[in-house]
Amino acid sequence: MRCEIVAIGTELLLGQIVDTNSSWMGERLALAGIDSHFQVKVGDNQARIVDTIRHALSRSDAVILCGGLGPTQDDITREAIAEVMDTELVRDHAMGDRIRRGFEARGRRFTENNLRQADCPVGASFIPQMPGTAPGLVCPVGERVIYAVPGVPFEMREMMEGTILPDLQRRAGVTAVIKSRVLKSWGESESRLAELLEERIAALDRTGNPTIAFQASGIEGLKIRVTAKAADAAAADALIAEEEANVRAIVGDAIFATDEQTMESVVLDLLRERGHSLAVAESVTGGLVGARLTAVPGASDVFRGAVVSYASEVKFDVLGVPEGPVVSTDAAKAMALGVRERLGADVGIATTGVAGPAKQEGHPPGTVFLGLAYRDYTEALRVRLPGDRRRVREYAVISVLNLLRLRISNSSRSPELR
């Protein structure tokens, strides 16, 4: 079973929107055991959409169309499908009523052009899942099939998981379960991880199951994906768990999270387990650390707050940093200690440095000092971070959280942190 993805929208071709939907769908198709050899983008032109669909059907068993199902004039995916199927669109009044009720339930004004979304090609059917106001479609074309989903990511994902992936597996006769777990790492390069895991990957290549793959994720670090195929979910989970233990034994503390966990959620969980509260002093990161921490539900039972001490005078007057250079190990330590004391927290962390583009206090852009104050222990770590101003600041956030993770995780083994 080969499935092709066609993303529809002129805004995708102009670069106004990044097509993350296709990458997500491609990953889910692979995990479901469905081959996907092509991903295509096409603008809002019916003739070109029709030509693209026909070409996709000539080389694939199934085609997923993403986008163009809304109520406006440039939403022409339904019309293009009807042309490919050589049929007409018929308005489904029950679906029209459902769309109307959906608007009313959301407190939004309903306009009659929204009823275009209730038009369905003869011979096609609506996808049962409908988290938004645009229904998806399942459209048989001989032995092949076209699926159409909205471009809104959460709507597309619910339809994929609820209808499209199970239907593709049924059509393909896939009975085995393919599952994956993503191990997230920070602090090692991709080449270093490949070197560490070289022998293990070679051993797995000989058996073919499970498998290990790498994926760079920018400011979220490097991902190690462990994938297993088995007769059922329990057997696949067992294979993955065994291989995860092998990878962790080799890579060690560089692995900070799995799957949907983030650095900030892991840090908050660690602090919560130990009954510790946290305060943050930010200079170079300008509030980004606090923003990421407070994005995690339940952070308030751990996170006391943050002081964005961007000006030197705020460092001196509010945090009690001694007069002198503010881009230094001493300043980072003093900031962490000062914010911990002033906000009444158990742990304080701090960031100060040079995001660029110019030097500051003799330090080149990308120079960042990370501070930590925990019990009677204070520490400052100097790091050189790559990239432009935005990336340096984002890398600084995950770096200081990782420093905290490592120190709190190892506190029971480290005499100075006990």
Protein backbone atom coordinates (compact mmCIF):
# COMPACT_ATOMS: atom_id res chain seq x y z
CA MET A 1 0.00 0.00 0.00
CA ARG A 2 1.52 3.30 -1.16
CA CYS A 3 0.02 6.56 0.07
CA GLU A 4 0.86 9.99 -1.33
CA ILE A 5 0.38 13.29 0.49
CA VAL A 6 -0.75 16.40 -1.38
CA ALA A 7 -0.71 19.69 0.55
CA ILE A 8 -3.00 22.30 -1.01
CA GLY A 9 -2.62 26.05 -0.66
CA THR A 10 -0.87 28.86 -2.48
CA GLU A 11 0.38 30.14 0.88
CA LEU A 12 2.51 26.99 1.17
CA LEU A 13 4.22 27.70 -2.15
CA LEU A 14 4.87 31.33 -1.19
CA GLY A 15 6.46 30.29 2.10
CA GLN A 16 3.86 32.17 4.14
CA ILE A 17 3.02 28.97 6.04
CA VAL A 18 5.43 26.13 6.78
CA ASP A 19 4.00 22.74 5.87
CA THR A 20 4.35 20.81 9.11
CA ASN A 21 1.22 18.77 8.36
CA SER A 22 2.91 16.68 5.65
CA SER A 23 5.85 15.78 7.89
CA TRP A 24 3.49 14.74 10.70
CA MET A 25 1.38 12.63 8.32
CA GLY A 26 4.49 11.06 6.81
CA GLU A 27 5.70 10.00 10.22
CA ARG A 28 2.33 8.51 11.17
CA LEU A 29 2.08 6.63 7.88
CA ALA A 30 5.50 5.08 8.45
CA LEU A 31 4.56 4.01 11.96
CA ALA A 32 1.36 2.44 10.59
CA GLY A 33 3.37 0.39 8.11
CA ILE A 34 2.14 2.35 5.06
CA ASP A 35 4.70 3.32 2.40
CA SER A 36 4.76 6.99 1.40
CA HIS A 37 7.15 7.77 -1.44
CA PHE A 38 5.93 11.22 -2.49
CA GLN A 39 4.82 14.47 -0.86
CA VAL A 40 3.62 17.28 -3.13
CA LYS A 41 2.46 20.89 -2.72
CA VAL A 42 0.08 22.62 -5.13
CA GLY A 43 -1.55 26.05 -5.15
CA ASP A 44 -5.22 27.00 -5.13
CA ASN A 45 -5.90 26.35 -8.81
CA GLN A 46 -8.46 23.71 -9.73
CA ALA A 47 -6.80 22.57 -12.95
CA ARG A 48 -3.44 22.11 -11.26
CA ILE A 49 -5.02 20.37 -8.25
CA VAL A 50 -6.87 17.96 -10.55
CA ASP A 51 -3.69 17.25 -12.51
CA THR A 52 -1.77 16.68 -9.27
CA ILE A 53 -4.39 14.27 -7.91
CA ARG A 54 -4.49 12.28 -11.14
CA HIS A 55 -0.72 12.02 -11.23
CA ALA A 56 -0.69 10.90 -7.59
CA LEU A 57 -3.32 8.22 -8.27
CA SER A 58 -1.25 6.93 -11.21
CA ARG A 59 1.59 5.95 -8.89
CA SER A 60 -0.02 5.48 -5.46
CA ASP A 61 -2.88 3.44 -4.03
CA ALA A 62 -4.14 6.23 -1.78
CA VAL A 63 -3.86 10.01 -1.74
CA ILE A 64 -4.35 12.29 1.25
CA LEU A 65 -5.29 15.86 0.32
CA CYS A 66 -4.66 18.40 3.08
CA GLY A 67 -6.27 21.83 2.89
CA GLY A 68 -8.82 23.65 0.78
CA LEU A 69 -11.96 22.41 2.57
CA GLY A 70 -13.06 25.75 4.02
CA PRO A 71 -15.97 28.00 2.96
CA THR A 72 -14.16 30.62 0.86
CA GLN A 73 -13.78 30.93 -2.90
CA ASP A 74 -10.24 29.57 -2.92
CA ASP A 75 -11.28 26.40 -1.05
CA ILE A 76 -11.73 24.21 -4.12
CA THR A 77 -10.56 20.78 -3.00
CA ARG A 78 -14.10 19.37 -3.09
CA GLU A 79 -14.61 20.58 -6.65
CA ALA A 80 -11.27 19.13 -7.75
CA ILE A 81 -12.11 15.73 -6.24
CA ALA A 82 -15.50 15.69 -7.96
CA GLU A 83 -13.80 16.39 -11.28
CA VAL A 84 -11.30 13.57 -10.74
CA MET A 85 -14.16 11.22 -9.78
CA ASP A 86 -16.16 12.43 -12.80
CA THR A 87 -19.16 13.13 -10.65
CA GLU A 88 -21.02 16.07 -9.15
CA LEU A 89 -21.17 17.68 -5.74
CA VAL A 90 -24.37 17.21 -3.77
CA ARG A 91 -25.20 19.17 -0.64
CA ASP A 92 -25.78 17.03 2.42
CA HIS A 93 -28.40 18.88 4.48
CA ALA A 94 -27.76 16.84 7.63
CA MET A 95 -24.11 17.86 7.46
CA GLY A 96 -25.19 21.44 6.82
CA ASP A 97 -27.23 21.39 10.04
CA ARG A 98 -24.26 19.92 11.90
CA ILE A 99 -21.99 22.70 10.64
CA ARG A 100 -24.57 25.33 11.66
CA ARG A 101 -24.84 23.84 15.16
CA GLY A 102 -21.06 23.82 15.41
CA PHE A 103 -20.94 27.56 14.81
CA GLU A 104 -23.70 28.19 17.33
CA ALA A 105 -21.97 26.05 19.97
CA ARG A 106 -18.81 28.12 19.56
CA GLY A 107 -20.71 31.40 19.78
CA ARG A 108 -19.65 32.35 16.23
CA ARG A 109 -21.83 34.01 13.63
CA PHE A 110 -22.95 31.60 10.92
CA THR A 111 -22.92 32.73 7.29
CA GLU A 112 -24.54 30.84 4.44
CA ASN A 113 -21.26 30.31 2.55
CA ASN A 114 -20.27 27.84 5.28
CA LEU A 115 -22.77 25.41 3.79
CA ARG A 116 -20.30 24.84 0.93
CA GLN A 117 -18.49 22.60 3.41
CA ALA A 118 -21.51 20.27 3.35
CA ASP A 119 -21.02 19.56 -0.37
CA CYS A 120 -19.93 15.98 -1.00
CA PRO A 121 -18.96 14.25 -4.27
CA VAL A 122 -21.45 11.52 -5.22
CA GLY A 123 -20.01 8.20 -4.05
CA ALA A 124 -17.89 9.77 -1.31
CA SER A 125 -18.59 9.92 2.43
CA PHE A 126 -17.76 12.24 5.30
CA ILE A 127 -15.12 11.34 7.88
CA PRO A 128 -16.95 10.83 11.22
CA GLN A 129 -14.43 12.84 13.24
CA MET A 130 -15.15 16.56 12.93
CA PRO A 131 -13.41 18.63 15.62
CA GLY A 132 -13.86 21.85 13.62
CA THR A 133 -16.48 23.07 11.16
CA ALA A 134 -14.96 21.51 8.03
CA PRO A 135 -15.75 17.82 7.47
CA GLY A 136 -13.20 15.52 5.88
CA LEU A 137 -13.92 13.14 3.00
CA VAL A 138 -13.30 9.54 1.99
CA CYS A 139 -13.58 9.24 -1.79
CA PRO A 140 -13.23 5.85 -3.55
CA VAL A 141 -11.76 6.00 -7.07
CA GLY A 142 -11.94 2.48 -8.43
CA GLU A 143 -9.50 0.37 -6.41
CA ARG A 144 -7.86 3.51 -5.11
CA VAL A 145 -8.98 6.08 -2.55
CA ILE A 146 -8.70 9.81 -1.93
CA TYR A 147 -8.89 11.23 1.59
CA ALA A 148 -9.40 14.95 2.15
CA VAL A 149 -8.70 16.65 5.48
CA PRO A 150 -8.63 20.30 6.62
CA GLY A 151 -5.31 22.11 6.91
CA VAL A 152 -5.91 23.00 10.57
CA PRO A 153 -3.43 20.67 12.33
CA PHE A 154 -5.57 19.49 15.26
CA GLU A 155 -8.52 18.80 12.95
CA MET A 156 -6.33 16.91 10.47
CA ARG A 157 -4.69 14.83 13.20
CA GLU A 158 -7.96 13.68 14.73
CA MET A 159 -9.24 12.55 11.33
CA MET A 160 -5.96 10.79 10.54
CA GLU A 161 -5.91 8.88 13.82
CA GLY A 162 -9.63 8.16 13.91
CA THR A 163 -10.37 7.16 10.31
CA ILE A 164 -7.60 7.39 7.72
CA LEU A 165 -4.80 5.35 9.32
CA PRO A 166 -7.11 2.48 10.38
CA ASP A 167 -8.72 2.45 6.92
CA LEU A 168 -5.32 2.37 5.19
CA GLN A 169 -4.17 -0.50 7.40
CA ARG A 170 -7.37 -2.40 6.65
CA ARG A 171 -6.92 -1.88 2.91
CA ALA A 172 -3.26 -2.90 3.12
CA GLY A 173 -4.00 -5.95 5.25
CA VAL A 174 -1.54 -4.74 7.90
CA THR A 175 -1.95 -6.84 11.02
CA ALA A 176 1.34 -6.17 12.79
CA VAL A 177 1.72 -3.25 15.17
CA ILE A 178 4.50 -0.72 14.62
CA LYS A 179 5.27 1.53 17.57
CA SER A 180 7.96 4.07 18.37
CA ARG A 181 9.39 5.87 21.36
CA VAL A 182 11.40 9.06 21.04
CA LEU A 183 14.28 9.60 23.46
CA LYS A 184 15.26 13.26 23.64
CA SER A 185 18.86 14.20 24.32
CA TRP A 186 20.80 17.38 25.03
CA GLY A 187 24.51 18.04 25.23
CA GLU A 188 25.91 15.60 22.66
CA SER A 189 26.34 16.21 18.93
CA GLU A 190 24.65 13.99 16.36
CA SER A 191 28.05 12.62 15.31
CA ARG A 192 28.91 11.81 18.92
CA LEU A 193 25.62 10.01 19.48
CA ALA A 194 26.17 8.04 16.27
CA GLU A 195 29.64 7.10 17.50
CA LEU A 196 28.35 6.02 20.90
CA LEU A 197 25.56 3.91 19.40
CA GLU A 198 27.48 2.61 16.37
CA GLU A 199 27.92 -0.95 17.64
CA ARG A 200 24.36 -1.15 18.96
CA ILE A 201 22.89 0.08 15.65
CA ALA A 202 25.03 -2.43 13.75
CA ALA A 203 23.71 -5.23 15.94
CA LEU A 204 20.12 -4.12 15.36
CA ASP A 205 20.71 -3.89 11.60
CA ARG A 206 21.53 -7.59 11.63
CA THR A 207 18.24 -8.48 13.34
CA GLY A 208 16.09 -5.79 11.71
CA ASN A 209 13.84 -5.25 14.72
CA PRO A 210 13.76 -2.94 16.62
CA THR A 211 15.52 -0.08 14.82
CA ILE A 212 17.19 3.17 15.91
CA ALA A 213 17.17 6.47 13.98
CA PHE A 214 18.31 10.01 14.70
CA GLN A 215 16.46 13.28 14.22
CA ALA A 216 17.87 16.75 14.83
CA SER A 217 15.34 19.06 16.49
CA GLY A 218 17.14 22.38 16.85
CA ILE A 219 16.58 23.97 20.22
CA GLU A 220 14.92 20.78 21.48
CA GLY A 221 18.13 18.78 21.04
CA LEU A 222 18.61 15.49 19.23
CA LYS A 223 16.02 12.73 19.15
CA ILE A 224 16.76 9.02 19.15
CA ARG A 225 13.75 7.13 17.81
CA VAL A 226 13.36 3.49 18.75
CA THR A 227 10.83 1.65 16.53
CA ALA A 228 9.61 -1.91 16.93
CA LYS A 229 7.26 -4.15 14.96
CA ALA A 230 5.36 -6.94 16.69
CA ALA A 231 2.17 -8.96 16.61
CA ASP A 232 0.49 -6.70 19.17
CA ALA A 233 1.03 -3.48 21.09
CA ALA A 234 2.21 -5.21 24.27
CA ALA A 235 4.92 -7.12 22.42
CA ALA A 236 6.05 -3.95 20.61
CA ASP A 237 6.18 -2.04 23.90
CA ALA A 238 8.31 -4.80 25.42
CA LEU A 239 10.81 -4.62 22.57
CA ILE A 240 10.99 -0.85 22.83
CA ALA A 241 11.44 -0.90 26.61
CA GLU A 242 14.33 -3.35 26.32
CA GLU A 243 16.03 -1.27 23.65
CA GLU A 244 15.44 1.98 25.53
CA ALA A 245 17.31 0.49 28.49
CA ASN A 246 20.21 -0.41 26.18
CA VAL A 247 20.35 3.11 24.71
CA ARG A 248 20.18 4.79 28.12
CA ALA A 249 23.01 2.59 29.39
CA ILE A 250 25.17 3.75 26.47
CA VAL A 251 24.19 7.42 26.22
CA GLY A 252 23.64 8.15 29.90
CA ASP A 253 22.52 11.50 31.33
CA ALA A 254 22.32 13.15 27.90
CA ILE A 255 18.81 11.65 27.56
CA PHE A 256 16.42 13.97 29.35
CA ALA A 257 12.92 13.01 28.18
CA THR A 258 10.73 10.68 26.15
CA ASP A 259 7.96 11.32 23.61
CA GLU A 260 5.84 14.33 24.64
CA GLN A 261 7.93 15.29 27.66
CA THR A 262 9.92 18.51 27.47
CA MET A 263 12.96 19.74 29.34
CA GLU A 264 10.79 22.06 31.42
CA SER A 265 8.22 19.39 32.29
CA VAL A 266 10.98 17.00 33.35
CA VAL A 267 12.65 19.66 35.52
CA LEU A 268 9.37 20.56 37.20
CA ASP A 269 8.63 16.88 37.89
CA LEU A 270 12.08 16.39 39.45
CA LEU A 271 11.65 19.41 41.70
CA ARG A 272 8.13 18.33 42.64
CA GLU A 273 9.33 14.84 43.61
CA ARG A 274 11.89 16.40 45.96
CA GLY A 275 9.52 19.00 47.36
CA HIS A 276 11.65 21.89 46.02
CA SER A 277 10.52 25.26 44.71
CA LEU A 278 12.27 27.22 41.95
CA ALA A 279 13.03 30.87 41.20
CA VAL A 280 14.65 32.22 38.04
CA ALA A 281 16.77 35.32 37.36
CA GLU A 282 16.99 36.15 33.67
CA SER A 283 19.10 38.63 31.79
CA VAL A 284 20.07 37.35 28.35
CA THR A 285 16.94 35.19 28.06
CA GLY A 286 14.61 38.07 28.94
CA GLY A 287 11.78 36.00 30.45
CA LEU A 288 11.93 32.99 28.11
CA VAL A 289 12.78 30.56 30.92
CA GLY A 290 9.77 31.65 32.95
CA ALA A 291 7.54 31.50 29.88
CA ARG A 292 8.50 27.90 29.14
CA LEU A 293 8.05 26.84 32.75
CA THR A 294 4.62 28.46 33.08
CA ALA A 295 3.47 26.83 29.83
CA VAL A 296 3.47 23.50 31.71
CA PRO A 297 0.17 22.80 33.51
CA GLY A 298 0.65 22.63 37.27
CA ALA A 299 3.91 24.60 37.26
CA SER A 300 2.61 26.90 40.01
CA ASP A 301 3.18 24.31 42.73
CA VAL A 302 6.93 24.41 41.98
CA PHE A 303 7.75 27.65 40.19
CA ARG A 304 7.82 30.70 42.48
CA GLY A 305 8.51 33.30 39.81
CA ALA A 306 11.17 35.12 37.84
CA VAL A 307 13.04 38.40 37.89
CA VAL A 308 13.97 39.70 34.45
CA SER A 309 17.04 41.69 35.48
CA TYR A 310 18.00 42.96 32.04
CA ALA A 311 19.55 46.24 33.15
CA SER A 312 22.72 46.07 35.24
CA GLU A 313 21.14 48.29 37.91
CA VAL A 314 18.37 45.73 38.43
CA LYS A 315 20.97 43.04 39.00
CA PHE A 316 22.70 45.24 41.58
CA ASP A 317 19.68 46.78 43.30
CA VAL A 318 17.10 43.97 43.17
CA LEU A 319 19.19 40.78 43.18
CA GLY A 320 22.14 42.01 45.23
CA VAL A 321 24.74 41.29 42.57
CA PRO A 322 28.04 43.02 43.57
CA GLU A 323 29.09 45.98 41.42
CA GLY A 324 31.26 44.84 38.55
CA PRO A 325 31.02 42.90 35.29
CA VAL A 326 27.55 41.46 34.74
CA VAL A 327 28.58 38.92 32.10
CA SER A 328 30.64 36.62 34.31
CA THR A 329 30.57 33.51 36.46
CA ASP A 330 30.41 35.64 39.63
CA ALA A 331 27.40 37.58 38.35
CA ALA A 332 25.58 34.38 37.34
CA LYS A 333 26.14 32.86 40.79
CA ALA A 334 25.02 36.03 42.54
CA MET A 335 21.90 36.30 40.38
CA ALA A 336 20.87 32.71 41.17
CA LEU A 337 21.50 33.19 44.89
CA GLY A 338 19.77 36.57 44.95
CA VAL A 339 16.59 35.43 43.23
CA ARG A 340 16.40 32.33 45.40
CA GLU A 341 16.57 34.42 48.56
CA ARG A 342 14.25 37.21 47.41
CA LEU A 343 11.53 34.87 46.12
CA GLY A 344 11.87 32.37 48.98
CA ALA A 345 12.66 29.36 46.79
CA ASP A 346 14.73 26.27 47.43
CA VAL A 347 16.57 26.52 44.13
CA GLY A 348 17.62 29.52 42.03
CA ILE A 349 18.89 29.52 38.46
CA ALA A 350 20.13 32.40 36.34
CA THR A 351 21.19 33.39 32.83
CA THR A 352 23.46 36.24 31.79
CA GLY A 353 25.46 36.64 28.62
CA VAL A 354 25.80 38.07 25.13
CA ALA A 355 23.14 37.22 22.55
CA GLY A 356 24.70 39.47 19.92
CA PRO A 357 25.25 40.74 17.39
CA ALA A 358 27.97 42.82 19.11
CA LYS A 359 30.51 41.92 21.79
CA GLN A 360 29.80 42.83 25.40
CA GLU A 361 32.37 43.22 28.16
CA GLY A 362 34.90 41.64 25.82
CA HIS A 363 32.82 38.47 25.29
CA PRO A 364 31.83 37.38 21.76
CA PRO A 365 28.17 36.74 20.87
CA GLY A 366 26.97 33.37 22.08
CA THR A 367 28.85 33.58 25.40
CA VAL A 368 26.39 32.70 28.17
CA PHE A 369 26.86 32.11 31.89
CA LEU A 370 24.42 29.81 33.66
CA GLY A 371 24.02 30.14 37.41
CA LEU A 372 22.68 27.71 40.01
CA ALA A 373 22.07 28.14 43.74
CA TYR A 374 20.94 25.05 45.64
CA ARG A 375 21.17 24.76 49.43
CA ASP A 376 24.75 25.79 50.33
CA TYR A 377 26.01 25.15 46.81
CA THR A 378 26.44 27.73 44.06
CA GLU A 379 27.76 27.15 40.57
CA ALA A 380 28.23 29.00 37.31
CA LEU A 381 28.89 27.40 33.96
CA ARG A 382 30.24 29.24 30.91
CA VAL A 383 28.95 27.98 27.54
CA ARG A 384 29.37 29.08 23.93
CA LEU A 385 26.11 28.79 22.02
CA PRO A 386 25.73 28.91 18.23
CA GLY A 387 23.43 30.88 15.98
CA ASP A 388 21.89 34.32 15.75
CA ARG A 389 20.43 36.33 18.63
CA ARG A 390 17.17 34.39 18.72
CA ARG A 391 18.82 30.97 18.73
CA VAL A 392 21.42 31.93 21.36
CA ARG A 393 18.62 32.99 23.71
CA GLU A 394 16.58 29.83 23.05
CA TYR A 395 19.62 27.58 23.48
CA ALA A 396 20.38 29.38 26.75
CA VAL A 397 16.93 28.48 28.09
CA ILE A 398 17.28 24.75 27.55
CA SER A 399 20.93 24.84 28.68
CA VAL A 400 20.15 26.35 32.08
CA LEU A 401 17.21 23.97 32.58
CA ASN A 402 19.48 21.07 31.65
CA LEU A 403 22.09 22.21 34.18
CA LEU A 404 19.37 22.21 36.84
CA ARG A 405 18.15 18.77 35.72
CA LEU A 406 21.59 17.24 35.95
CA ARG A 407 22.39 18.72 39.35
CA ILE A 408 19.03 17.82 40.90
CA SER A 409 19.09 14.32 39.37
CA ASN A 410 22.57 13.67 40.74
CA SER A 411 22.11 15.39 44.09
CA SER A 412 21.86 12.12 45.98
CA ARG A 413 25.23 11.03 44.54
CA SER A 414 27.02 14.38 44.89
CA PRO A 415 28.22 15.27 48.43
CA GLU A 416 28.20 19.05 47.85
CA LEU A 417 24.52 18.96 46.82
CA ARG A 418 23.20 16.86 49.68
